[in-house]
Amino acid sequence: MTKSLFAHERRYLALFLPWLPAERLMSRGEAPADQSFALIEKQRGALRIVALNPEAARLGLEPGQALADARGRLPDLAAFPHDPLADAALLTRLARICGDYTPSVQCDPPQGLLLDVTGCAHLHGGEAQMRDHLVARVAAEGLTVHTGLAKTPQGARALARFGGSDLSALPLAALDCEAETLHALTRAGFRRLGDLSRVSRKALAARFGMATTTRLARLLGEEDAHIVPEQARERVFAEARFAEPIGRTDDVLDVIEHLLERTAVTLRERGEGGRAFRARLHRSDGHVARLAVETGAPTRDPALVLRLLRERIDGLADPLDPGFGYDAIDLLIVHAEALPDRQVGLEAERKRPDDLGPLLDRLAVRHGPERVLRFVACNSHTPERAGTLRGLRDDRETTPWPEGQEDEPPLRPLVLLDPPQRVRVTNALPEGPPRQFSWRGKAHSVLRHEGPERLAAEWWHRRDGYQGNPGLTRDYYRVEDEAGHRFWLFRHGLYGLEVEHPDWYIHGLFA
């Protein structure tokens, strides 16, 4: 009797984020907030829509639709690659926020969260106030959220996705069953869950399967399947307390080094390395000083982290004030990543001179990580869009750089001109290479050339309303003048097809 009563008293809160993939891009400034766009991936040999932003959905586009068909209806539709791993990481971060309200939180991918709030709501002023406060925190991340409260996680999930507060009024799609079963239920005359609740369970199972009956019972609160809470891995932590307070900076760093050595043992056992470290210095009068550093790659090297902490202390605008001394110091590994052990050789390996990791870490500590930028490759064959600058701590997935060709001259110049500079070409056939060109007031005679390398315009990046004009084609030539200087020129537009008289531009200089 007690168990049955307790089961009926359980309460679940479901969060549904209908536009999570699109709003994740918009919140990071990677997609326009005032323009229709879609997130796509390759399925069955074609680019198909996986997710949309609200504007595109309002215009009638749907997930699963081929990108070519969608652009037939909406020519200026922008498209971005779908990143399910980034969506999952955001969902995991939101689950940690939900952990402030209940210890039982389960991710419901790809766009939902389930919370067991039994016995927790009164700590936050009741279910309504707890829900409103949680929704406000999620909305602060730039996300739209729908919620549902019910006696089972399946019921709460259905209310969050389909709206309302009455489970019996939800459509049959809330069963989340196979398309064939849903079609059969519709042909049998059922429209809502309430219609099914009045049918004998045995008759329903005999005709539509036991799985349908089980889903219905869990939706209507007749059976509680519970949730499996996410088990957050405990962070690595170490602390030291002193009988007598310490005040010298060297003593503080010696203690932190000892704590780093202790945490390194735990990290090695877990096969991880720290990326973000935070030390707290507890002064005897209650004041707490915080020192935080990050590394570009996971590490278990105490000496490396200690050097960064010393840089941090030396660069403080307000120097450390020990007052009457510190009576406790603790160290927390805020973020850790996988770092497997590597086989070492019999002889000590020399440190590679091109290992810039420690230098970049020191620059980031001294000047701030937002001021240290790196070049990353982009998924574009247009030269000016083939690379971009990102922050040192930007962990977004990037396209690998193309591998160089051995024993071959480079296909791309080391120096690109942005924007390309127009040149005047003389003595050239309409569809052939240039024979002579003038740039910055100086004439250059072409002795040798290679090409053309034809690059079509990326019409999906156009912002001017496409209207059947994908942009002009470029024919690139690598040329060498009489002085041995090598240039990268291109003819902008196909002669007689796209333009009547194509213009020429210089886009780069070879070393």
Protein backbone atom coordinates (compact mmCIF):
# COMPACT_ATOMS: atom_id res chain seq x y z
CA MET A 1 0.00 0.00 0.00
CA THR A 2 2.80 2.39 0.87
CA LYS A 3 4.64 1.61 -2.36
CA SER A 4 1.54 2.23 -4.49
CA LEU A 5 0.79 5.50 -2.74
CA PHE A 6 4.39 6.65 -3.16
CA ALA A 7 4.30 5.80 -6.88
CA HIS A 8 1.21 8.00 -7.39
CA GLU A 9 2.94 10.86 -5.59
CA ARG A 10 5.94 10.99 -7.88
CA ARG A 11 6.26 14.09 -10.06
CA TYR A 12 8.33 14.63 -13.19
CA LEU A 13 9.22 17.81 -15.05
CA ALA A 14 10.14 17.63 -18.73
CA LEU A 15 11.94 20.35 -20.70
CA PHE A 16 11.65 20.44 -24.48
CA LEU A 17 13.88 22.77 -26.54
CA PRO A 18 12.27 22.80 -30.01
CA TRP A 19 14.89 25.02 -31.67
CA LEU A 20 18.01 23.91 -29.81
CA PRO A 21 20.30 23.28 -32.85
CA ALA A 22 19.38 26.58 -34.52
CA GLU A 23 19.38 28.69 -31.35
CA ARG A 24 22.77 27.27 -30.37
CA LEU A 25 24.21 28.76 -33.57
CA MET A 26 22.37 32.06 -33.15
CA SER A 27 23.48 32.49 -29.54
CA ARG A 28 27.12 32.12 -30.64
CA GLY A 29 26.72 34.51 -33.57
CA GLU A 30 27.34 31.76 -36.14
CA ALA A 31 23.95 32.12 -37.84
CA PRO A 32 21.72 35.13 -38.59
CA ALA A 33 18.84 35.68 -36.20
CA ASP A 34 16.69 37.52 -38.77
CA GLN A 35 17.00 35.15 -41.74
CA SER A 36 15.70 31.70 -42.55
CA PHE A 37 18.29 28.95 -42.31
CA ALA A 38 18.55 25.19 -41.97
CA LEU A 39 21.01 22.73 -40.49
CA ILE A 40 21.85 19.96 -42.90
CA GLU A 41 23.69 16.65 -43.12
CA LYS A 42 24.25 14.06 -45.82
CA GLN A 43 21.68 11.25 -45.72
CA ARG A 44 21.30 8.55 -48.34
CA GLY A 45 23.56 10.41 -50.74
CA ALA A 46 21.71 13.74 -50.52
CA LEU A 47 21.89 16.82 -48.31
CA ARG A 48 18.80 16.85 -46.11
CA ILE A 49 17.45 19.21 -43.49
CA VAL A 50 17.93 18.03 -39.91
CA ALA A 51 16.76 21.15 -38.06
CA LEU A 52 15.35 24.59 -38.83
CA ASN A 53 15.11 27.96 -37.20
CA PRO A 54 11.60 29.30 -36.37
CA GLU A 55 11.52 31.59 -39.41
CA ALA A 56 12.21 28.72 -41.84
CA ALA A 57 9.66 26.49 -40.12
CA ARG A 58 7.05 29.26 -40.34
CA LEU A 59 7.54 29.34 -44.11
CA GLY A 60 6.59 25.67 -44.37
CA LEU A 61 9.95 23.86 -44.49
CA GLU A 62 10.26 20.57 -42.58
CA PRO A 63 13.08 18.36 -41.24
CA GLY A 64 13.87 15.46 -43.55
CA GLN A 65 13.31 17.58 -46.64
CA ALA A 66 16.03 17.60 -49.29
CA LEU A 67 18.00 20.84 -49.33
CA ALA A 68 17.53 21.14 -53.10
CA ASP A 69 13.74 20.93 -52.72
CA ALA A 70 13.79 23.46 -49.88
CA ARG A 71 15.83 25.89 -51.97
CA GLY A 72 13.35 25.43 -54.79
CA ARG A 73 10.72 26.93 -52.48
CA LEU A 74 13.03 29.35 -50.68
CA PRO A 75 16.03 30.26 -52.89
CA ASP A 76 17.77 32.44 -50.28
CA LEU A 77 17.69 29.74 -47.60
CA ALA A 78 21.04 29.67 -45.77
CA ALA A 79 22.44 26.28 -44.76
CA PHE A 80 24.88 25.26 -42.04
CA PRO A 81 26.30 21.82 -41.21
CA HIS A 82 24.55 20.02 -38.38
CA ASP A 83 26.77 19.31 -35.37
CA PRO A 84 25.04 16.71 -33.15
CA LEU A 85 28.04 16.50 -30.80
CA ALA A 86 27.81 20.22 -30.04
CA ASP A 87 24.07 19.87 -29.43
CA ALA A 88 24.71 16.97 -27.04
CA ALA A 89 27.36 18.99 -25.19
CA LEU A 90 24.92 21.87 -24.75
CA LEU A 91 22.26 19.45 -23.49
CA THR A 92 24.75 18.06 -20.96
CA ARG A 93 25.58 21.58 -19.77
CA LEU A 94 21.87 22.31 -19.32
CA ALA A 95 21.55 19.08 -17.32
CA ARG A 96 24.14 20.44 -14.89
CA ILE A 97 22.01 23.58 -14.48
CA CYS A 98 18.99 21.39 -13.74
CA GLY A 99 21.08 19.63 -11.11
CA ASP A 100 20.63 22.72 -8.91
CA TYR A 101 16.95 21.79 -8.55
CA THR A 102 17.01 18.00 -8.29
CA PRO A 103 19.71 15.31 -8.21
CA SER A 104 17.73 13.15 -10.68
CA VAL A 105 18.23 14.58 -14.17
CA GLN A 106 18.28 12.59 -17.41
CA CYS A 107 19.11 13.87 -20.89
CA ASP A 108 16.39 13.11 -23.42
CA PRO A 109 18.26 13.61 -26.71
CA PRO A 110 18.23 15.25 -29.07
CA GLN A 111 16.29 18.18 -27.60
CA GLY A 112 14.91 17.35 -24.15
CA LEU A 113 15.58 16.86 -20.44
CA LEU A 114 13.68 14.85 -17.82
CA LEU A 115 13.73 15.74 -14.11
CA ASP A 116 12.38 13.76 -11.18
CA VAL A 117 11.24 16.59 -8.89
CA THR A 118 9.58 14.42 -6.25
CA GLY A 119 10.22 15.98 -2.84
CA CYS A 120 12.21 18.88 -4.35
CA ALA A 121 9.57 21.43 -5.37
CA HIS A 122 8.93 22.76 -1.85
CA LEU A 123 12.57 23.83 -1.62
CA HIS A 124 11.95 26.30 -4.45
CA GLY A 125 8.51 27.62 -3.52
CA GLY A 126 6.42 24.94 -5.21
CA GLU A 127 6.29 23.31 -8.62
CA ALA A 128 5.17 26.45 -10.49
CA GLN A 129 7.87 28.70 -9.04
CA MET A 130 10.56 26.08 -9.50
CA ARG A 131 9.54 25.58 -13.14
CA ASP A 132 9.43 29.32 -13.86
CA HIS A 133 12.85 29.87 -12.28
CA LEU A 134 14.39 27.01 -14.24
CA VAL A 135 12.81 28.23 -17.49
CA ALA A 136 14.27 31.69 -16.88
CA ARG A 137 17.77 30.24 -16.44
CA VAL A 138 17.51 28.20 -19.63
CA ALA A 139 16.05 31.16 -21.54
CA ALA A 140 19.07 33.22 -20.42
CA GLU A 141 21.15 30.85 -22.59
CA GLY A 142 19.21 32.09 -25.63
CA LEU A 143 16.98 29.00 -25.84
CA THR A 144 13.24 28.53 -26.17
CA VAL A 145 11.90 25.97 -23.70
CA HIS A 146 8.54 24.21 -23.28
CA THR A 147 7.69 22.34 -20.08
CA GLY A 148 5.35 19.61 -18.88
CA LEU A 149 4.54 18.25 -15.40
CA ALA A 150 3.08 14.77 -14.88
CA LYS A 151 3.19 11.63 -12.72
CA THR A 152 5.41 9.78 -15.21
CA PRO A 153 8.38 10.93 -17.31
CA GLN A 154 6.59 9.86 -20.51
CA GLY A 155 3.54 11.94 -19.59
CA ALA A 156 5.64 15.01 -18.77
CA ARG A 157 7.56 14.56 -22.02
CA ALA A 158 4.35 14.40 -24.07
CA LEU A 159 2.92 17.53 -22.41
CA ALA A 160 6.14 19.44 -23.06
CA ARG A 161 6.12 18.51 -26.76
CA PHE A 162 2.43 18.83 -27.55
CA GLY A 163 1.32 21.44 -25.00
CA GLY A 164 -1.62 21.62 -22.63
CA SER A 165 -2.13 20.08 -19.22
CA ASP A 166 -4.59 17.24 -20.02
CA LEU A 167 -2.92 14.04 -21.20
CA SER A 168 -6.18 12.54 -22.47
CA ALA A 169 -6.56 15.47 -24.89
CA LEU A 170 -3.18 14.89 -26.58
CA PRO A 171 -3.08 13.54 -30.16
CA LEU A 172 -2.07 9.96 -30.91
CA ALA A 173 1.36 11.18 -32.03
CA ALA A 174 2.17 11.53 -28.31
CA LEU A 175 2.41 7.72 -28.15
CA ASP A 176 5.70 8.01 -30.07
CA CYS A 177 5.03 4.69 -31.80
CA GLU A 178 5.87 3.41 -35.27
CA ALA A 179 4.25 5.07 -38.28
CA GLU A 180 2.44 1.84 -39.22
CA THR A 181 0.88 1.53 -35.75
CA LEU A 182 -0.12 5.19 -35.73
CA HIS A 183 -1.75 4.80 -39.15
CA ALA A 184 -3.64 1.71 -37.99
CA LEU A 185 -4.92 3.50 -34.87
CA THR A 186 -6.10 6.43 -36.99
CA ARG A 187 -7.93 4.13 -39.41
CA ALA A 188 -9.62 2.47 -36.43
CA GLY A 189 -11.19 5.80 -35.53
CA PHE A 190 -8.97 6.89 -32.63
CA ARG A 191 -7.92 10.52 -32.52
CA ARG A 192 -6.71 11.25 -28.98
CA LEU A 193 -5.22 9.41 -26.04
CA GLY A 194 -8.54 9.69 -24.21
CA ASP A 195 -10.16 7.58 -26.92
CA LEU A 196 -7.66 4.78 -26.27
CA SER A 197 -8.04 4.97 -22.48
CA ARG A 198 -11.64 3.79 -22.76
CA VAL A 199 -10.68 0.62 -24.65
CA SER A 200 -9.89 -2.66 -22.91
CA ARG A 201 -6.16 -3.10 -22.53
CA LYS A 202 -6.34 -6.74 -23.60
CA ALA A 203 -8.20 -5.86 -26.80
CA LEU A 204 -5.78 -3.02 -27.50
CA ALA A 205 -2.76 -5.28 -27.01
CA ALA A 206 -4.27 -8.03 -29.16
CA ARG A 207 -4.82 -5.72 -32.12
CA PHE A 208 -2.03 -3.16 -31.89
CA GLY A 209 0.66 -4.90 -29.84
CA MET A 210 1.81 -4.92 -26.23
CA ALA A 211 4.22 -2.03 -26.85
CA THR A 212 1.31 0.30 -27.64
CA THR A 213 -0.45 -0.68 -24.41
CA THR A 214 2.72 -0.13 -22.39
CA ARG A 215 3.28 3.33 -23.90
CA LEU A 216 -0.32 4.30 -23.16
CA ALA A 217 -0.09 3.13 -19.53
CA ARG A 218 3.11 5.13 -18.99
CA LEU A 219 1.60 8.22 -20.56
CA LEU A 220 -1.56 8.11 -18.47
CA GLY A 221 0.30 7.54 -15.19
CA GLU A 222 -0.76 3.91 -14.73
CA GLU A 223 2.85 2.72 -14.85
CA ASP A 224 6.01 4.59 -13.84
CA ALA A 225 9.16 3.66 -15.79
CA HIS A 226 11.29 6.10 -13.78
CA ILE A 227 14.36 7.80 -15.24
CA VAL A 228 18.05 6.99 -15.14
CA PRO A 229 19.82 10.06 -13.68
CA GLU A 230 22.98 11.31 -15.33
CA GLN A 231 25.92 10.42 -13.13
CA ALA A 232 28.21 13.41 -13.20
CA ARG A 233 31.81 12.40 -12.74
CA GLU A 234 33.25 13.86 -9.57
CA ARG A 235 35.81 16.57 -10.17
CA VAL A 236 39.37 16.08 -9.02
CA PHE A 237 39.95 18.11 -5.85
CA ALA A 238 42.74 18.44 -3.28
CA GLU A 239 43.23 20.71 -0.29
CA ALA A 240 45.77 21.50 2.41
CA ARG A 241 45.14 23.03 5.85
CA PHE A 242 47.78 24.58 8.11
CA ALA A 243 48.13 24.77 11.86
CA GLU A 244 49.88 28.13 11.40
CA PRO A 245 48.93 30.51 8.54
CA ILE A 246 51.45 31.04 5.73
CA GLY A 247 52.01 34.30 3.86
CA ARG A 248 55.05 34.08 1.54
CA THR A 249 54.26 33.65 -2.15
CA ASP A 250 56.96 30.98 -2.53
CA ASP A 251 55.37 28.97 0.31
CA VAL A 252 51.96 29.28 -1.36
CA LEU A 253 53.37 28.03 -4.67
CA ASP A 254 55.13 25.14 -2.93
CA VAL A 255 51.80 24.05 -1.44
CA ILE A 256 50.03 24.37 -4.81
CA GLU A 257 52.79 22.29 -6.42
CA HIS A 258 52.20 19.59 -3.83
CA LEU A 259 48.45 19.69 -4.57
CA LEU A 260 49.16 19.47 -8.30
CA GLU A 261 51.24 16.35 -7.73
CA ARG A 262 48.38 14.80 -5.75
CA THR A 263 45.80 15.58 -8.42
CA ALA A 264 48.15 14.30 -11.14
CA VAL A 265 48.03 10.84 -9.55
CA THR A 266 44.22 10.81 -9.65
CA LEU A 267 44.16 12.13 -13.21
CA ARG A 268 46.59 9.44 -14.35
CA GLU A 269 44.42 6.73 -12.79
CA ARG A 270 41.43 8.10 -14.68
CA GLY A 271 43.37 8.48 -17.94
CA GLU A 272 42.74 12.22 -18.01
CA GLY A 273 44.58 15.51 -18.04
CA GLY A 274 43.52 18.90 -16.73
CA ARG A 275 42.59 21.77 -19.05
CA ALA A 276 41.38 24.29 -16.44
CA PHE A 277 42.77 24.67 -12.91
CA ARG A 278 41.48 26.81 -10.04
CA ALA A 279 43.32 27.45 -6.77
CA ARG A 280 41.66 29.14 -3.80
CA LEU A 281 43.65 30.78 -1.02
CA HIS A 282 41.62 31.00 2.20
CA ARG A 283 42.84 33.88 4.36
CA SER A 284 42.50 33.65 8.12
CA ASP A 285 40.03 36.57 8.18
CA GLY A 286 37.63 34.80 5.76
CA HIS A 287 38.74 36.42 2.50
CA VAL A 288 39.24 34.01 -0.44
CA ALA A 289 41.66 34.77 -3.29
CA ARG A 290 41.15 32.83 -6.52
CA LEU A 291 43.74 31.95 -9.17
CA ALA A 292 42.60 30.26 -12.39
CA VAL A 293 44.58 29.17 -15.45
CA GLU A 294 43.81 27.14 -18.56
CA THR A 295 45.98 25.12 -20.91
CA GLY A 296 45.64 24.56 -24.62
CA ALA A 297 45.94 20.78 -24.24
CA PRO A 298 45.24 18.38 -21.35
CA THR A 299 48.21 18.02 -19.03
CA ARG A 300 49.33 16.35 -15.81
CA ASP A 301 52.61 18.27 -15.58
CA PRO A 302 52.71 20.19 -12.26
CA ALA A 303 55.67 22.30 -13.42
CA LEU A 304 53.73 23.59 -16.44
CA VAL A 305 50.68 24.59 -14.39
CA LEU A 306 52.89 26.15 -11.71
CA ARG A 307 54.62 28.36 -14.31
CA LEU A 308 51.22 29.58 -15.52
CA LEU A 309 50.10 30.30 -11.96
CA ARG A 310 53.26 32.30 -11.33
CA GLU A 311 52.55 34.27 -14.53
CA ARG A 312 49.03 34.88 -13.24
CA ILE A 313 50.30 36.14 -9.87
CA ASP A 314 52.90 38.39 -11.50
CA GLY A 315 50.26 39.86 -13.83
CA LEU A 316 47.65 40.64 -11.18
CA ALA A 317 46.60 44.29 -11.13
CA ASP A 318 45.84 43.88 -7.43
CA PRO A 319 48.72 41.85 -5.92
CA LEU A 320 47.99 39.06 -3.49
CA ASP A 321 47.56 40.37 0.03
CA PRO A 322 48.09 37.56 2.55
CA GLY A 323 47.04 39.75 5.49
CA PHE A 324 47.55 37.61 8.57
CA GLY A 325 48.26 34.60 6.36
CA TYR A 326 46.44 31.76 4.59
CA ASP A 327 45.22 28.90 6.74
CA ALA A 328 43.95 26.69 3.86
CA ILE A 329 44.59 26.24 0.11
CA ASP A 330 42.59 24.02 -2.23
CA LEU A 331 42.94 23.09 -5.89
CA LEU A 332 40.12 22.06 -8.25
CA ILE A 333 40.45 20.62 -11.76
CA VAL A 334 37.57 22.53 -13.32
CA HIS A 335 37.79 20.79 -16.70
CA ALA A 336 39.54 17.56 -17.65
CA GLU A 337 39.88 15.63 -20.91
CA ALA A 338 41.16 12.23 -21.93
CA LEU A 339 44.96 11.93 -21.85
CA PRO A 340 46.20 8.36 -22.33
CA ASP A 341 49.70 7.37 -21.31
CA ARG A 342 52.28 7.33 -24.09
CA GLN A 343 55.07 4.87 -24.61
CA VAL A 344 58.43 6.54 -23.98
CA GLY A 345 61.68 5.59 -25.63
CA LEU A 346 64.78 4.23 -23.98
CA GLU A 347 66.47 7.58 -24.43
CA ALA A 348 65.11 10.90 -23.27
CA GLU A 349 63.35 12.60 -26.14
CA ARG A 350 64.28 16.15 -26.92
CA LYS A 351 61.47 18.64 -26.86
CA ARG A 352 60.44 19.59 -30.34
CA PRO A 353 61.31 23.19 -31.20
CA ASP A 354 57.94 23.62 -32.95
CA ASP A 355 55.92 22.76 -29.83
CA LEU A 356 54.16 26.09 -29.25
CA GLY A 357 51.73 24.85 -26.60
CA PRO A 358 53.59 26.21 -23.52
CA LEU A 359 54.24 29.54 -25.24
CA LEU A 360 50.58 29.95 -26.22
CA ASP A 361 49.49 29.09 -22.68
CA ARG A 362 51.78 31.76 -21.23
CA LEU A 363 50.55 34.35 -23.73
CA ALA A 364 46.95 33.49 -22.88
CA VAL A 365 47.61 33.88 -19.15
CA ARG A 366 49.44 37.18 -19.60
CA HIS A 367 47.20 38.85 -22.20
CA GLY A 368 43.93 36.91 -21.98
CA PRO A 369 42.81 33.92 -24.10
CA GLU A 370 40.54 36.12 -26.23
CA ARG A 371 43.59 38.00 -27.56
CA VAL A 372 45.46 34.90 -28.73
CA LEU A 373 44.08 33.82 -32.10
CA ARG A 374 44.84 30.88 -34.37
CA PHE A 375 44.11 30.07 -37.99
CA VAL A 376 41.68 27.21 -38.63
CA ALA A 377 40.54 25.68 -41.89
CA CYS A 378 36.97 26.14 -43.12
CA ASN A 379 34.91 23.90 -45.36
CA SER A 380 35.10 26.15 -48.43
CA HIS A 381 36.93 26.01 -51.73
CA THR A 382 36.83 29.80 -52.13
CA PRO A 383 40.33 30.98 -51.14
CA GLU A 384 39.26 33.94 -48.97
CA ARG A 385 36.86 31.69 -47.02
CA ALA A 386 39.19 28.68 -46.69
CA GLY A 387 40.53 29.86 -43.34
CA THR A 388 39.49 32.06 -40.45
CA LEU A 389 40.71 33.27 -37.05
CA ARG A 390 39.38 31.76 -33.85
CA GLY A 391 40.21 32.14 -30.21
CA LEU A 392 42.77 29.89 -28.58
CA ARG A 393 40.13 28.29 -26.33
CA ASP A 394 37.51 27.89 -29.08
CA ASP A 395 36.90 24.13 -29.14
CA ARG A 396 34.41 24.05 -31.99
CA GLU A 397 35.03 21.27 -34.50
CA THR A 398 37.10 22.43 -37.45
CA THR A 399 37.88 21.12 -40.91
CA PRO A 400 41.39 19.59 -41.15
CA TRP A 401 43.94 21.49 -43.20
CA PRO A 402 44.63 19.90 -46.60
CA GLU A 403 47.87 17.98 -46.69
CA GLY A 404 50.71 19.46 -48.69
CA GLN A 405 52.13 17.82 -51.82
CA GLU A 406 55.68 16.58 -51.61
CA ASP A 407 58.12 17.44 -54.42
CA GLU A 408 55.55 19.70 -56.06
CA PRO A 409 55.27 23.49 -56.24
CA PRO A 410 52.55 24.86 -53.95
CA LEU A 411 49.10 25.19 -55.47
CA ARG A 412 48.23 28.10 -53.19
CA PRO A 413 50.38 31.15 -52.44
CA LEU A 414 51.68 31.90 -48.97
CA VAL A 415 50.38 35.50 -49.11
CA LEU A 416 46.77 36.29 -50.06
CA LEU A 417 45.60 39.80 -50.91
CA ASP A 418 42.34 40.73 -49.21
CA PRO A 419 40.51 41.88 -51.21
CA PRO A 420 42.01 40.79 -54.55
CA GLN A 421 43.50 43.70 -56.49
CA ARG A 422 42.47 44.44 -60.03
CA VAL A 423 45.14 44.28 -62.76
CA ARG A 424 45.13 45.34 -66.39
CA VAL A 425 45.88 42.41 -68.68
CA THR A 426 47.06 42.91 -72.25
CA ASN A 427 47.95 40.53 -75.05
CA ALA A 428 45.72 37.69 -73.82
CA LEU A 429 43.27 35.45 -75.62
CA PRO A 430 39.68 35.69 -74.32
CA GLU A 431 39.82 32.21 -72.78
CA GLY A 432 43.60 31.83 -72.40
CA PRO A 433 46.28 32.77 -69.88
CA PRO A 434 47.58 36.34 -69.53
CA ARG A 435 50.67 37.26 -71.56
CA GLN A 436 51.32 40.61 -69.90
CA PHE A 437 49.71 42.48 -67.00
CA SER A 438 50.19 45.76 -65.14
CA TRP A 439 49.97 45.93 -61.37
CA ARG A 440 50.67 48.97 -59.20
CA GLY A 441 51.99 50.89 -62.20
CA LYS A 442 54.51 48.26 -63.26
CA ALA A 443 54.26 45.98 -66.30
CA HIS A 444 55.06 42.27 -65.99
CA SER A 445 55.66 39.96 -68.91
CA VAL A 446 54.53 36.38 -68.30
CA LEU A 447 57.20 33.81 -69.22
CA ARG A 448 55.57 30.72 -67.69
CA HIS A 449 52.07 29.84 -66.52
CA GLU A 450 50.11 26.94 -65.04
CA GLY A 451 46.36 26.56 -65.16
CA PRO A 452 43.60 27.29 -65.35
CA GLU A 453 42.16 26.05 -62.05
CA ARG A 454 38.44 26.72 -62.25
CA LEU A 455 36.52 27.54 -59.07
CA ALA A 456 32.75 27.88 -59.25
CA ALA A 457 30.92 30.36 -57.03
CA GLU A 458 29.45 29.10 -53.74
CA TRP A 459 25.90 30.18 -54.44
CA TRP A 460 24.65 28.92 -51.06
CA HIS A 461 26.61 31.69 -49.31
CA ARG A 462 25.05 34.52 -51.30
CA ARG A 463 23.11 37.11 -49.29
CA ASP A 464 21.76 39.16 -52.22
CA GLY A 465 18.70 37.11 -53.00
CA TYR A 466 20.30 34.57 -55.39
CA GLN A 467 17.49 34.96 -58.01
CA GLY A 468 19.09 32.41 -60.30
CA ASN A 469 22.51 34.13 -60.35
CA PRO A 470 25.00 31.91 -58.52
CA GLY A 471 27.92 34.33 -58.96
CA LEU A 472 30.87 34.42 -61.35
CA THR A 473 33.31 31.62 -62.03
CA ARG A 474 37.02 32.16 -61.45
CA ASP A 475 39.85 30.77 -63.60
CA TYR A 476 43.10 30.87 -61.59
CA TYR A 477 46.60 30.90 -63.15
CA ARG A 478 50.01 30.57 -61.50
CA VAL A 479 52.31 32.80 -63.55
CA GLU A 480 55.98 33.77 -63.44
CA ASP A 481 57.37 37.02 -64.86
CA GLU A 482 60.75 37.80 -66.40
CA ALA A 483 62.27 38.58 -62.98
CA GLY A 484 61.28 35.21 -61.51
CA HIS A 485 58.42 36.56 -59.39
CA ARG A 486 55.38 34.29 -59.19
CA PHE A 487 51.79 35.55 -58.93
CA TRP A 488 48.33 34.07 -58.56
CA LEU A 489 45.91 35.67 -61.03
CA PHE A 490 42.31 34.88 -61.87
CA ARG A 491 39.86 35.83 -64.59
CA HIS A 492 36.51 36.76 -63.04
CA GLY A 493 33.71 35.33 -65.13
CA LEU A 494 33.46 33.04 -68.16
CA TYR A 495 33.99 34.90 -71.41
CA GLY A 496 30.77 35.19 -73.45
CA LEU A 497 28.74 33.09 -70.99
CA GLU A 498 28.72 35.04 -67.73
CA VAL A 499 30.23 38.39 -68.75
CA GLU A 500 31.12 40.07 -72.02
CA HIS A 501 34.56 41.31 -70.93
CA PRO A 502 35.95 39.50 -67.84
CA ASP A 503 38.10 41.42 -65.36
CA TRP A 504 41.43 40.16 -64.05
CA TYR A 505 42.61 40.21 -60.44
CA ILE A 506 45.76 39.32 -58.55
CA HIS A 507 44.89 37.28 -55.46
CA GLY A 508 48.23 36.16 -54.05
CA LEU A 509 52.01 36.16 -54.12
CA PHE A 510 54.17 33.04 -54.04
CA ALA A 511 57.31 33.00 -51.94
